[in-house]
């Protein structure tokens, strides 16, 4: 998976880039079918904002955004939100009742 990190009125330092990539490793661990990700880091007055869009192989892209007084806290909040959304998307793709349907149909 490719992660494109850009900054809006923020310099993306190697430390920020490494922190974002380490947080997204957890998301990749839950779901393999992610193609690319675009992460935008921005600052508005005293609030640090992070938004990301994940392109998934099956379905619509997953989008989330988070804000916090600290950039690292905003990245943490964003990764938690995306992790929940990716797990929910994976759960929707899984067919939990296939064995029951086959058993009733062919019984």
PDB file of N, CA and C in Angstrom:
ATOM      1  N   UNK A   1       0.843  -1.173   0.000  1.00  0.00           N
ATOM      2  CA  UNK A   1       0.000   0.000   0.000  1.00  0.00           C
ATOM      3  C   UNK A   1       0.886   1.232   0.000  1.00  0.00           C
ATOM      4  N   UNK A   2       0.502   2.203  -0.792  1.00  0.00           N
ATOM      5  CA  UNK A   2       1.229   3.461  -0.856  1.00  0.00           C
ATOM      6  C   UNK A   2       0.543   4.473   0.037  1.00  0.00           C
ATOM      7  N   UNK A   3       1.331   5.213   0.791  1.00  0.00           N
ATOM      8  CA  UNK A   3       0.809   6.267   1.644  1.00  0.00           C
ATOM      9  C   UNK A   3       1.374   7.585   1.142  1.00  0.00           C
ATOM     10  N   UNK A   4       0.488   8.464   0.689  1.00  0.00           N
ATOM     11  CA  UNK A   4       0.903   9.785   0.223  1.00  0.00           C
ATOM     12  C   UNK A   4       0.575  10.780   1.330  1.00  0.00           C
ATOM     13  N   UNK A   5       1.602  11.401   1.881  1.00  0.00           N
ATOM     14  CA  UNK A   5       1.423  12.333   2.993  1.00  0.00           C
ATOM     15  C   UNK A   5       1.768  13.727   2.496  1.00  0.00           C
ATOM     16  N   UNK A   6       0.827  14.656   2.682  1.00  0.00           N
ATOM     17  CA  UNK A   6       1.065  16.035   2.283  1.00  0.00           C
ATOM     18  C   UNK A   6       0.675  16.970   3.414  1.00  0.00           C
ATOM     19  N   UNK A   7       1.242  18.139   3.403  1.00  0.00           N
ATOM     20  CA  UNK A   7       0.957  19.107   4.453  1.00  0.00           C
ATOM     21  C   UNK A   7       0.370  20.372   3.880  1.00  0.00           C
ATOM     22  N   UNK A   8      -0.628  20.881   4.540  1.00  0.00           N
ATOM     23  CA  UNK A   8      -1.247  22.141   4.166  1.00  0.00           C
ATOM     24  C   UNK A   8      -0.870  23.159   5.228  1.00  0.00           C
ATOM     25  N   UNK A   9       0.059  24.051   4.897  1.00  0.00           N
ATOM     26  CA  UNK A   9       0.632  25.021   5.826  1.00  0.00           C
ATOM     27  C   UNK A   9       1.415  24.334   6.949  1.00  0.00           C
ATOM     28  N   UNK A  10       1.912  23.136   6.662  1.00  0.00           N
ATOM     29  CA  UNK A  10       2.715  22.375   7.612  1.00  0.00           C
ATOM     30  C   UNK A  10       3.846  21.712   6.838  1.00  0.00           C
ATOM     31  N   UNK A  11       5.038  21.761   7.384  1.00  0.00           N
ATOM     32  CA  UNK A  11       6.141  20.995   6.814  1.00  0.00           C
ATOM     33  C   UNK A  11       6.049  19.574   7.342  1.00  0.00           C
ATOM     34  N   UNK A  12       6.023  18.616   6.438  1.00  0.00           N
ATOM     35  CA  UNK A  12       5.955  17.212   6.835  1.00  0.00           C
ATOM     36  C   UNK A  12       7.383  16.757   7.118  1.00  0.00           C
ATOM     37  N   UNK A  13       7.712  16.658   8.369  1.00  0.00           N
ATOM     38  CA  UNK A  13       9.051  16.250   8.781  1.00  0.00           C
ATOM     39  C   UNK A  13       9.186  14.734   8.673  1.00  0.00           C
ATOM     40  N   UNK A  14      10.399  14.237   8.616  1.00  0.00           N
ATOM     41  CA  UNK A  14      10.572  12.770   8.597  1.00  0.00           C
ATOM     42  C   UNK A  14       9.978  12.093   9.828  1.00  0.00           C
ATOM     43  N   UNK A  15      10.007  12.768  10.979  1.00  0.00           N
ATOM     44  CA  UNK A  15       9.424  12.186  12.193  1.00  0.00           C
ATOM     45  C   UNK A  15       7.910  12.051  12.059  1.00  0.00           C
ATOM     46  N   UNK A  16       7.246  13.073  11.513  1.00  0.00           N
ATOM     47  CA  UNK A  16       5.793  12.984  11.293  1.00  0.00           C
ATOM     48  C   UNK A  16       5.471  11.899  10.278  1.00  0.00           C
ATOM     49  N   UNK A  17       6.250  11.840   9.207  1.00  0.00           N
ATOM     50  CA  UNK A  17       6.016  10.829   8.163  1.00  0.00           C
ATOM     51  C   UNK A  17       6.164   9.418   8.743  1.00  0.00           C
ATOM     52  N   UNK A  18       7.185   9.203   9.534  1.00  0.00           N
ATOM     53  CA  UNK A  18       7.407   7.893  10.144  1.00  0.00           C
ATOM     54  C   UNK A  18       6.294   7.549  11.127  1.00  0.00           C
ATOM     55  N   UNK A  19       5.813   8.535  11.879  1.00  0.00           N
ATOM     56  CA  UNK A  19       4.744   8.293  12.852  1.00  0.00           C
ATOM     57  C   UNK A  19       3.448   7.905  12.140  1.00  0.00           C
ATOM     58  N   UNK A  20       3.126   8.604  11.055  1.00  0.00           N
ATOM     59  CA  UNK A  20       1.916   8.281  10.289  1.00  0.00           C
ATOM     60  C   UNK A  20       2.024   6.876   9.705  1.00  0.00           C
ATOM     61  N   UNK A  21       3.165   6.548   9.143  1.00  0.00           N
ATOM     62  CA  UNK A  21       3.340   5.222   8.548  1.00  0.00           C
ATOM     63  C   UNK A  21       3.258   4.116   9.600  1.00  0.00           C
ATOM     64  N   UNK A  22       3.777   4.366  10.792  1.00  0.00           N
ATOM     65  CA  UNK A  22       3.689   3.345  11.843  1.00  0.00           C
ATOM     66  C   UNK A  22       2.244   3.146  12.304  1.00  0.00           C
ATOM     67  N   UNK A  23       1.473   4.211  12.346  1.00  0.00           N
ATOM     68  CA  UNK A  23       0.061   4.092  12.729  1.00  0.00           C
ATOM     69  C   UNK A  23      -0.748   3.369  11.663  1.00  0.00           C
ATOM     70  N   UNK A  24      -0.404   3.560  10.397  1.00  0.00           N
ATOM     71  CA  UNK A  24      -1.148   2.909   9.329  1.00  0.00           C
ATOM     72  C   UNK A  24      -0.764   1.438   9.177  1.00  0.00           C
ATOM     73  N   UNK A  25       0.365   1.032   9.743  1.00  0.00           N
ATOM     74  CA  UNK A  25       0.716  -0.394   9.735  1.00  0.00           C
ATOM     75  C   UNK A  25      -0.323  -1.213  10.485  1.00  0.00           C
ATOM     76  N   UNK A  26      -0.870  -0.642  11.557  1.00  0.00           N
ATOM     77  CA  UNK A  26      -1.900  -1.339  12.335  1.00  0.00           C
ATOM     78  C   UNK A  26      -3.162  -1.551  11.501  1.00  0.00           C
ATOM     79  N   UNK A  27      -3.510  -0.558  10.698  1.00  0.00           N
ATOM     80  CA  UNK A  27      -4.702  -0.664   9.854  1.00  0.00           C
ATOM     81  C   UNK A  27      -4.484  -1.714   8.763  1.00  0.00           C
ATOM     82  N   UNK A  28      -3.292  -1.747   8.201  1.00  0.00           N
ATOM     83  CA  UNK A  28      -2.977  -2.722   7.154  1.00  0.00           C
ATOM     84  C   UNK A  28      -3.032  -4.134   7.720  1.00  0.00           C
ATOM     85  N   UNK A  29      -2.663  -4.291   8.986  1.00  0.00           N
ATOM     86  CA  UNK A  29      -2.687  -5.602   9.620  1.00  0.00           C
ATOM     87  C   UNK A  29      -4.107  -6.170   9.661  1.00  0.00           C
ATOM     88  N   UNK A  30      -5.121  -5.298   9.796  1.00  0.00           N
ATOM     89  CA  UNK A  30      -6.506  -5.752   9.877  1.00  0.00           C
ATOM     90  C   UNK A  30      -7.097  -6.089   8.507  1.00  0.00           C
ATOM     91  N   UNK A  31      -6.659  -5.394   7.465  1.00  0.00           N
ATOM     92  CA  UNK A  31      -7.299  -5.561   6.158  1.00  0.00           C
ATOM     93  C   UNK A  31      -6.250  -5.364   5.067  1.00  0.00           C
ATOM     94  N   UNK A  32      -6.066  -6.366   4.221  1.00  0.00           N
ATOM     95  CA  UNK A  32      -5.000  -6.337   3.217  1.00  0.00           C
ATOM     96  C   UNK A  32      -5.377  -5.619   1.924  1.00  0.00           C
ATOM     97  N   UNK A  33      -6.651  -5.469   1.642  1.00  0.00           N
ATOM     98  CA  UNK A  33      -7.099  -4.997   0.342  1.00  0.00           C
ATOM     99  C   UNK A  33      -7.187  -3.477   0.244  1.00  0.00           C
ATOM    100  N   UNK A  34      -6.186  -2.796   0.750  1.00  0.00           N
ATOM    101  CA  UNK A  34      -6.109  -1.343   0.651  1.00  0.00           C
ATOM    102  C   UNK A  34      -5.085  -0.997  -0.424  1.00  0.00           C
ATOM    103  N   UNK A  35      -5.472  -0.157  -1.376  1.00  0.00           N
ATOM    104  CA  UNK A  35      -4.573   0.163  -2.484  1.00  0.00           C
ATOM    105  C   UNK A  35      -3.655   1.322  -2.145  1.00  0.00           C
ATOM    106  N   UNK A  36      -4.234   2.463  -1.904  1.00  0.00           N
ATOM    107  CA  UNK A  36      -3.418   3.624  -1.575  1.00  0.00           C
ATOM    108  C   UNK A  36      -4.160   4.519  -0.598  1.00  0.00           C
ATOM    109  N   UNK A  37      -3.392   5.362   0.051  1.00  0.00           N
ATOM    110  CA  UNK A  37      -3.927   6.237   1.083  1.00  0.00           C
ATOM    111  C   UNK A  37      -3.385   7.636   0.872  1.00  0.00           C
ATOM    112  N   UNK A  38      -4.242   8.609   1.054  1.00  0.00           N
ATOM    113  CA  UNK A  38      -3.808   9.990   0.993  1.00  0.00           C
ATOM    114  C   UNK A  38      -4.075  10.629   2.351  1.00  0.00           C
ATOM    115  N   UNK A  39      -3.031  11.155   2.973  1.00  0.00           N
ATOM    116  CA  UNK A  39      -3.130  11.781   4.285  1.00  0.00           C
ATOM    117  C   UNK A  39      -2.754  13.250   4.134  1.00  0.00           C
ATOM    118  N   UNK A  40      -3.601  14.126   4.687  1.00  0.00           N
ATOM    119  CA  UNK A  40      -3.341  15.564   4.628  1.00  0.00           C
ATOM    120  C   UNK A  40      -3.240  16.082   6.049  1.00  0.00           C
ATOM    121  N   UNK A  41      -2.111  16.677   6.363  1.00  0.00           N
ATOM    122  CA  UNK A  41      -1.882  17.292   7.667  1.00  0.00           C
ATOM    123  C   UNK A  41      -2.037  18.801   7.496  1.00  0.00           C
ATOM    124  N   UNK A  42      -2.785  19.436   8.402  1.00  0.00           N
ATOM    125  CA  UNK A  42      -2.975  20.878   8.293  1.00  0.00           C
ATOM    126  C   UNK A  42      -3.085  21.511   9.675  1.00  0.00           C
ATOM    127  N   UNK A  43      -2.881  22.819   9.711  1.00  0.00           N
ATOM    128  CA  UNK A  43      -2.987  23.584  10.953  1.00  0.00           C
ATOM    129  C   UNK A  43      -3.911  24.759  10.689  1.00  0.00           C
ATOM    130  N   UNK A  44      -4.908  24.920  11.554  1.00  0.00           N
ATOM    131  CA  UNK A  44      -5.802  26.075  11.508  1.00  0.00           C
ATOM    132  C   UNK A  44      -5.787  26.731  12.882  1.00  0.00           C
ATOM    133  N   UNK A  45      -5.180  27.880  12.956  1.00  0.00           N
ATOM    134  CA  UNK A  45      -4.974  28.610  14.210  1.00  0.00           C
ATOM    135  C   UNK A  45      -4.297  27.703  15.240  1.00  0.00           C
ATOM    136  N   UNK A  46      -4.976  27.300  16.275  1.00  0.00           N
ATOM    137  CA  UNK A  46      -4.362  26.472  17.312  1.00  0.00           C
ATOM    138  C   UNK A  46      -4.730  25.002  17.184  1.00  0.00           C
ATOM    139  N   UNK A  47      -5.477  24.644  16.150  1.00  0.00           N
ATOM    140  CA  UNK A  47      -5.975  23.278  16.004  1.00  0.00           C
ATOM    141  C   UNK A  47      -5.231  22.554  14.881  1.00  0.00           C
ATOM    142  N   UNK A  48      -4.718  21.382  15.187  1.00  0.00           N
ATOM    143  CA  UNK A  48      -4.048  20.546  14.197  1.00  0.00           C
ATOM    144  C   UNK A  48      -5.067  19.557  13.646  1.00  0.00           C
ATOM    145  N   UNK A  49      -5.181  19.506  12.325  1.00  0.00           N
ATOM    146  CA  UNK A  49      -6.150  18.627  11.681  1.00  0.00           C
ATOM    147  C   UNK A  49      -5.436  17.610  10.799  1.00  0.00           C
ATOM    148  N   UNK A  50      -6.001  16.414  10.769  1.00  0.00           N
ATOM    149  CA  UNK A  50      -5.496  15.347   9.912  1.00  0.00           C
ATOM    150  C   UNK A  50      -6.702  14.709   9.235  1.00  0.00           C
ATOM    151  N   UNK A  51      -6.597  14.488   7.945  1.00  0.00           N
ATOM    152  CA  UNK A  51      -7.660  13.772   7.236  1.00  0.00           C
ATOM    153  C   UNK A  51      -7.020  12.765   6.290  1.00  0.00           C
ATOM    154  N   UNK A  52      -7.722  11.666   6.101  1.00  0.00           N
ATOM    155  CA  UNK A  52      -7.186  10.595   5.265  1.00  0.00           C
ATOM    156  C   UNK A  52      -8.293   9.948   4.456  1.00  0.00           C
ATOM    157  N   UNK A  53      -7.921   9.484   3.282  1.00  0.00           N
ATOM    158  CA  UNK A  53      -8.824   8.742   2.415  1.00  0.00           C
ATOM    159  C   UNK A  53      -8.127   7.453   2.007  1.00  0.00           C
ATOM    160  N   UNK A  54      -8.783   6.327   2.316  1.00  0.00           N
ATOM    161  CA  UNK A  54      -8.267   5.006   1.959  1.00  0.00           C
ATOM    162  C   UNK A  54      -9.038   4.496   0.759  1.00  0.00           C
ATOM    163  N   UNK A  55      -8.338   4.097  -0.278  1.00  0.00           N
ATOM    164  CA  UNK A  55      -8.993   3.480  -1.428  1.00  0.00           C
ATOM    165  C   UNK A  55      -8.980   1.976  -1.236  1.00  0.00           C
ATOM    166  N   UNK A  56     -10.173   1.399  -1.194  1.00  0.00           N
ATOM    167  CA  UNK A  56     -10.349  -0.023  -0.919  1.00  0.00           C
ATOM    168  C   UNK A  56     -10.662  -0.730  -2.225  1.00  0.00           C
ATOM    169  N   UNK A  57     -10.206  -1.974  -2.364  1.00  0.00           N
ATOM    170  CA  UNK A  57     -10.411  -2.710  -3.610  1.00  0.00           C
ATOM    171  C   UNK A  57     -11.887  -2.978  -3.878  1.00  0.00           C
ATOM    172  N   UNK A  58     -12.662  -3.288  -2.841  1.00  0.00           N
ATOM    173  CA  UNK A  58     -14.086  -3.573  -3.016  1.00  0.00           C
ATOM    174  C   UNK A  58     -14.886  -2.532  -2.247  1.00  0.00           C
ATOM    175  N   UNK A  59     -15.527  -1.634  -2.963  1.00  0.00           N
ATOM    176  CA  UNK A  59     -16.379  -0.666  -2.290  1.00  0.00           C
ATOM    177  C   UNK A  59     -15.891   0.762  -2.421  1.00  0.00           C
ATOM    178  N   UNK A  60     -16.583   1.622  -1.715  1.00  0.00           N
ATOM    179  CA  UNK A  60     -16.280   3.043  -1.740  1.00  0.00           C
ATOM    180  C   UNK A  60     -15.044   3.351  -0.907  1.00  0.00           C
ATOM    181  N   UNK A  61     -14.398   4.482  -1.184  1.00  0.00           N
ATOM    182  CA  UNK A  61     -13.254   4.867  -0.354  1.00  0.00           C
ATOM    183  C   UNK A  61     -13.690   5.173   1.082  1.00  0.00           C
ATOM    184  N   UNK A  62     -12.785   4.974   2.007  1.00  0.00           N
ATOM    185  CA  UNK A  62     -13.048   5.238   3.418  1.00  0.00           C
ATOM    186  C   UNK A  62     -12.370   6.552   3.766  1.00  0.00           C
ATOM    187  N   UNK A  63     -13.133   7.473   4.340  1.00  0.00           N
ATOM    188  CA  UNK A  63     -12.613   8.797   4.662  1.00  0.00           C
ATOM    189  C   UNK A  63     -12.829   9.085   6.145  1.00  0.00           C
ATOM    190  N   UNK A  64     -11.847   9.720   6.765  1.00  0.00           N
ATOM    191  CA  UNK A  64     -11.981  10.128   8.163  1.00  0.00           C
ATOM    192  C   UNK A  64     -11.119  11.360   8.387  1.00  0.00           C
ATOM    193  N   UNK A  65     -11.504  12.120   9.393  1.00  0.00           N
ATOM    194  CA  UNK A  65     -10.704  13.276   9.775  1.00  0.00           C
ATOM    195  C   UNK A  65     -10.765  13.442  11.282  1.00  0.00           C
ATOM    196  N   UNK A  66      -9.698  14.021  11.819  1.00  0.00           N
ATOM    197  CA  UNK A  66      -9.607  14.228  13.263  1.00  0.00           C
ATOM    198  C   UNK A  66      -8.835  15.517  13.517  1.00  0.00           C
ATOM    199  N   UNK A  67      -9.101  16.107  14.671  1.00  0.00           N
ATOM    200  CA  UNK A  67      -8.386  17.318  15.052  1.00  0.00           C
ATOM    201  C   UNK A  67      -8.084  17.277  16.541  1.00  0.00           C
ATOM    202  N   UNK A  68      -6.980  17.915  16.910  1.00  0.00           N
ATOM    203  CA  UNK A  68      -6.546  17.938  18.300  1.00  0.00           C
ATOM    204  C   UNK A  68      -5.570  19.105  18.462  1.00  0.00           C
ATOM    205  N   UNK A  69      -5.290  19.485  19.697  1.00  0.00           N
ATOM    206  CA  UNK A  69      -4.318  20.561  19.918  1.00  0.00           C
ATOM    207  C   UNK A  69      -2.886  20.167  19.537  1.00  0.00           C
ATOM    208  N   UNK A  70      -2.616  18.881  19.437  1.00  0.00           N
ATOM    209  CA  UNK A  70      -1.284  18.384  19.096  1.00  0.00           C
ATOM    210  C   UNK A  70      -1.393  17.518  17.837  1.00  0.00           C
ATOM    211  N   UNK A  71      -0.413  17.618  16.942  1.00  0.00           N
ATOM    212  CA  UNK A  71      -0.463  16.867  15.687  1.00  0.00           C
ATOM    213  C   UNK A  71      -0.409  15.363  15.932  1.00  0.00           C
ATOM    214  N   UNK A  72       0.402  14.929  16.878  1.00  0.00           N
ATOM    215  CA  UNK A  72       0.508  13.497  17.153  1.00  0.00           C
ATOM    216  C   UNK A  72      -0.796  12.946  17.743  1.00  0.00           C
ATOM    217  N   UNK A  73      -1.464  13.725  18.576  1.00  0.00           N
ATOM    218  CA  UNK A  73      -2.756  13.298  19.126  1.00  0.00           C
ATOM    219  C   UNK A  73      -3.804  13.211  18.020  1.00  0.00           C
ATOM    220  N   UNK A  74      -3.755  14.137  17.065  1.00  0.00           N
ATOM    221  CA  UNK A  74      -4.693  14.100  15.940  1.00  0.00           C
ATOM    222  C   UNK A  74      -4.452  12.865  15.078  1.00  0.00           C
ATOM    223  N   UNK A  75      -3.187  12.504  14.874  1.00  0.00           N
ATOM    224  CA  UNK A  75      -2.862  11.308  14.090  1.00  0.00           C
ATOM    225  C   UNK A  75      -3.353  10.058  14.817  1.00  0.00           C
ATOM    226  N   UNK A  76      -3.189  10.029  16.148  1.00  0.00           N
ATOM    227  CA  UNK A  76      -3.690   8.897  16.934  1.00  0.00           C
ATOM    228  C   UNK A  76      -5.200   8.751  16.794  1.00  0.00           C
ATOM    229  N   UNK A  77      -5.922   9.875  16.922  1.00  0.00           N
ATOM    230  CA  UNK A  77      -7.381   9.842  16.811  1.00  0.00           C
ATOM    231  C   UNK A  77      -7.813   9.397  15.416  1.00  0.00           C
ATOM    232  N   UNK A  78      -7.111   9.873  14.400  1.00  0.00           N
ATOM    233  CA  UNK A  78      -7.435   9.481  13.028  1.00  0.00           C
ATOM    234  C   UNK A  78      -7.215   7.996  12.813  1.00  0.00           C
ATOM    235  N   UNK A  79      -6.112   7.468  13.303  1.00  0.00           N
ATOM    236  CA  UNK A  79      -5.845   6.040  13.099  1.00  0.00           C
ATOM    237  C   UNK A  79      -6.875   5.184  13.827  1.00  0.00           C
ATOM    238  N   UNK A  80      -7.349   5.625  14.999  1.00  0.00           N
ATOM    239  CA  UNK A  80      -8.403   4.888  15.697  1.00  0.00           C
ATOM    240  C   UNK A  80      -9.701   4.880  14.895  1.00  0.00           C
ATOM    241  N   UNK A  81     -10.057   6.032  14.345  1.00  0.00           N
ATOM    242  CA  UNK A  81     -11.279   6.114  13.538  1.00  0.00           C
ATOM    243  C   UNK A  81     -11.185   5.236  12.295  1.00  0.00           C
ATOM    244  N   UNK A  82     -10.058   5.325  11.604  1.00  0.00           N
ATOM    245  CA  UNK A  82      -9.894   4.520  10.393  1.00  0.00           C
ATOM    246  C   UNK A  82      -9.866   3.032  10.708  1.00  0.00           C
ATOM    247  N   UNK A  83      -9.267   2.676  11.826  1.00  0.00           N
ATOM    248  CA  UNK A  83      -9.222   1.269  12.225  1.00  0.00           C
ATOM    249  C   UNK A  83     -10.629   0.726  12.436  1.00  0.00           C
ATOM    250  N   UNK A  84     -11.471   1.493  13.111  1.00  0.00           N
ATOM    251  CA  UNK A  84     -12.864   1.062  13.316  1.00  0.00           C
ATOM    252  C   UNK A  84     -13.598   0.940  11.993  1.00  0.00           C
ATOM    253  N   UNK A  85     -13.409   1.918  11.106  1.00  0.00           N
ATOM    254  CA  UNK A  85     -14.103   1.881   9.821  1.00  0.00           C
ATOM    255  C   UNK A  85     -13.640   0.711   8.956  1.00  0.00           C
ATOM    256  N   UNK A  86     -12.347   0.425   8.970  1.00  0.00           N
ATOM    257  CA  UNK A  86     -11.822  -0.681   8.168  1.00  0.00           C
ATOM    258  C   UNK A  86     -12.328  -2.009   8.711  1.00  0.00           C
ATOM    259  N   UNK A  87     -12.357  -2.174  10.036  1.00  0.00           N
ATOM    260  CA  UNK A  87     -12.882  -3.419  10.602  1.00  0.00           C
ATOM    261  C   UNK A  87     -14.354  -3.579  10.282  1.00  0.00           C
ATOM    262  N   UNK A  88     -15.118  -2.490  10.300  1.00  0.00           N
ATOM    263  CA  UNK A  88     -16.539  -2.548   9.962  1.00  0.00           C
ATOM    264  C   UNK A  88     -16.720  -2.915   8.486  1.00  0.00           C
ATOM    265  N   UNK A  89     -15.892  -2.342   7.625  1.00  0.00           N
ATOM    266  CA  UNK A  89     -15.960  -2.655   6.192  1.00  0.00           C
ATOM    267  C   UNK A  89     -15.627  -4.123   5.955  1.00  0.00           C
ATOM    268  N   UNK A  90     -14.619  -4.629   6.632  1.00  0.00           N
ATOM    269  CA  UNK A  90     -14.234  -6.031   6.486  1.00  0.00           C
ATOM    270  C   UNK A  90     -15.345  -6.947   6.973  1.00  0.00           C
ATOM    271  N   UNK A  91     -16.007  -6.557   8.050  1.00  0.00           N
ATOM    272  CA  UNK A  91     -17.113  -7.353   8.604  1.00  0.00           C
ATOM    273  C   UNK A  91     -18.281  -7.408   7.615  1.00  0.00           C
ATOM    274  N   UNK A  92     -18.534  -6.314   6.918  1.00  0.00           N
ATOM    275  CA  UNK A  92     -19.614  -6.295   5.937  1.00  0.00           C
ATOM    276  C   UNK A  92     -19.320  -7.211   4.752  1.00  0.00           C
ATOM    277  N   UNK A  93     -18.047  -7.333   4.395  1.00  0.00           N
ATOM    278  CA  UNK A  93     -17.683  -8.175   3.265  1.00  0.00           C
ATOM    279  C   UNK A  93     -17.759  -9.657   3.593  1.00  0.00           C
ATOM    280  N   UNK A  94     -17.643 -10.005   4.866  1.00  0.00           N
ATOM    281  CA  UNK A  94     -17.651 -11.394   5.281  1.00  0.00           C
ATOM    282  C   UNK A  94     -19.078 -11.909   5.327  1.00  0.00           C
ATOM    283  N   UNK A  95     -19.312 -13.053   4.689  1.00  0.00           N
ATOM    284  CA  UNK A  95     -20.630 -13.666   4.691  1.00  0.00           C
ATOM    285  C   UNK A  95     -20.689 -14.666   5.847  1.00  0.00           C
ATOM    286  N   UNK A  96     -21.409 -14.312   6.895  1.00  0.00           N
ATOM    287  CA  UNK A  96     -21.450 -15.138   8.094  1.00  0.00           C
ATOM    288  C   UNK A  96     -22.513 -16.233   8.031  1.00  0.00           C
ATOM    289  N   UNK A  97     -23.453 -16.123   7.105  1.00  0.00           N
ATOM    290  CA  UNK A  97     -24.586 -17.044   7.093  1.00  0.00           C
ATOM    291  C   UNK A  97     -24.577 -17.987   5.905  1.00  0.00           C
ATOM    292  N   UNK A  98     -23.487 -18.104   5.230  1.00  0.00           N
ATOM    293  CA  UNK A  98     -23.447 -18.927   4.025  1.00  0.00           C
ATOM    294  C   UNK A  98     -23.712 -20.402   4.338  1.00  0.00           C
ATOM    295  N   UNK A  99     -23.150 -20.924   5.404  1.00  0.00           N
ATOM    296  CA  UNK A  99     -23.345 -22.345   5.740  1.00  0.00           C
ATOM    297  C   UNK A  99     -24.802 -22.616   6.109  1.00  0.00           C
ATOM    298  N   UNK A 100     -25.418 -21.694   6.827  1.00  0.00           N
ATOM    299  CA  UNK A 100     -26.822 -21.875   7.212  1.00  0.00           C
ATOM    300  C   UNK A 100     -27.730 -21.861   5.994  1.00  0.00           C
ATOM    301  N   UNK A 101     -27.475 -20.978   5.065  1.00  0.00           N
ATOM    302  CA  UNK A 101     -28.299 -20.876   3.868  1.00  0.00           C
ATOM    303  C   UNK A 101     -28.161 -22.130   3.033  1.00  0.00           C
ATOM    304  N   UNK A 102     -26.929 -22.627   2.871  1.00  0.00           N
ATOM    305  CA  UNK A 102     -26.718 -23.850   2.097  1.00  0.00           C
ATOM    306  C   UNK A 102     -27.387 -25.044   2.762  1.00  0.00           C
ATOM    307  N   UNK A 103     -27.329 -25.105   4.078  1.00  0.00           N
ATOM    308  CA  UNK A 103     -27.934 -26.233   4.803  1.00  0.00           C
ATOM    309  C   UNK A 103     -29.449 -26.238   4.615  1.00  0.00           C
ATOM    310  N   UNK A 104     -30.084 -25.077   4.667  1.00  0.00           N
ATOM    311  CA  UNK A 104     -31.535 -24.997   4.500  1.00  0.00           C
ATOM    312  C   UNK A 104     -31.949 -25.252   3.060  1.00  0.00           C
ATOM    313  N   UNK A 105     -31.148 -24.784   2.125  1.00  0.00           N
ATOM    314  CA  UNK A 105     -31.492 -24.903   0.722  1.00  0.00           C
ATOM    315  C   UNK A 105     -31.393 -26.351   0.250  1.00  0.00           C
ATOM    316  N   UNK A 106     -30.374 -27.076   0.686  1.00  0.00           N
ATOM    317  CA  UNK A 106     -30.144 -28.423   0.184  1.00  0.00           C
ATOM    318  C   UNK A 106     -30.585 -29.509   1.159  1.00  0.00           C
ATOM    319  N   UNK A 107     -31.326 -29.164   2.181  1.00  0.00           N
ATOM    320  CA  UNK A 107     -31.782 -30.172   3.165  1.00  0.00           C
ATOM    321  C   UNK A 107     -33.002 -30.905   2.681  1.00  0.00           C
TER     322      UNK A 107
END
